[in-house]
Amino acid sequence: MAEKKPRRKRKPVTTWKFFEKKGDSLQRKRKSCPKCGQGTFMAQHKGRITCGKCGYSEFETKKKE
């Protein structure tokens, strides 16, 4: 029988890094999902932006020079 693989330890989500304080107000650093609403942030990957909740993706287009 094969041995079980060890589980990967996950880091807790640090949502305070998604905001920036400017004066008396808070600014969001990341884009919100258009399907899920304001409370869900989208993850930034290489060449795309993805929502982890619903799977919505936006791809970056290459600019021609």
Protein backbone atom coordinates (compact mmCIF):
# COMPACT_ATOMS: atom_id res chain seq x y z
CA MET A 1 0.00 0.00 0.00
CA ALA A 2 1.33 3.45 -0.89
CA GLU A 3 2.23 5.95 1.81
CA LYS A 4 0.06 9.01 2.28
CA LYS A 5 1.50 12.32 1.16
CA PRO A 6 1.97 14.90 3.91
CA ARG A 7 -0.60 17.69 3.85
CA ARG A 8 0.52 21.10 2.75
CA LYS A 9 0.31 23.74 5.47
CA ARG A 10 -1.67 26.74 4.27
CA LYS A 11 -1.11 30.31 5.36
CA PRO A 12 -4.11 32.15 6.81
CA VAL A 13 -5.64 34.82 4.58
CA THR A 14 -4.48 38.30 5.55
CA THR A 15 -7.28 40.52 4.28
CA TRP A 16 -5.76 43.64 5.82
CA LYS A 17 -3.22 43.60 2.98
CA PHE A 18 -6.02 44.17 0.43
CA PHE A 19 -6.69 47.71 1.74
CA GLU A 20 -4.68 50.92 1.88
CA LYS A 21 -5.38 53.89 4.12
CA LYS A 22 -5.45 57.26 2.35
CA GLY A 23 -6.34 60.11 4.66
CA ASP A 24 -9.53 59.20 6.50
CA SER A 25 -10.75 56.63 3.96
CA LEU A 26 -9.79 53.11 2.89
CA GLN A 27 -8.86 52.26 -0.70
CA ARG A 28 -9.10 48.74 -2.13
CA LYS A 29 -5.87 47.50 -3.72
CA ARG A 30 -7.35 44.58 -5.65
CA LYS A 31 -10.26 44.43 -8.06
CA SER A 32 -13.63 43.08 -6.85
CA CYS A 33 -15.47 40.34 -8.73
CA PRO A 34 -18.25 41.72 -10.98
CA LYS A 35 -20.40 38.59 -10.44
CA CYS A 36 -19.97 38.09 -6.68
CA GLY A 37 -19.97 41.75 -5.63
CA GLN A 38 -17.88 44.11 -3.51
CA GLY A 39 -16.88 41.65 -0.77
CA THR A 40 -14.98 39.21 -3.00
CA PHE A 41 -11.50 40.11 -4.23
CA MET A 42 -9.97 38.65 -7.36
CA ALA A 43 -6.59 36.88 -7.33
CA GLN A 44 -3.79 38.18 -9.53
CA HIS A 45 -1.97 35.53 -11.55
CA LYS A 46 0.51 35.78 -14.40
CA GLY A 47 -1.52 37.05 -17.34
CA ARG A 48 -4.97 36.80 -15.76
CA ILE A 49 -7.19 37.87 -12.85
CA THR A 50 -9.44 35.18 -11.32
CA CYS A 51 -12.23 34.95 -8.73
CA GLY A 52 -11.76 31.98 -6.41
CA LYS A 53 -15.42 31.86 -5.43
CA CYS A 54 -17.23 31.68 -8.78
CA GLY A 55 -14.36 31.06 -11.24
CA TYR A 56 -14.78 34.27 -13.25
CA SER A 57 -11.57 35.12 -15.16
CA GLU A 58 -10.25 38.13 -17.04
CA PHE A 59 -7.25 37.68 -19.31
CA GLU A 60 -4.68 40.38 -20.05
CA THR A 61 -4.31 41.06 -23.76
CA LYS A 62 -0.93 41.59 -25.34
CA LYS A 63 -0.43 45.11 -26.67
CA LYS A 64 1.04 45.45 -30.17
CA GLU A 65 3.75 48.07 -30.55
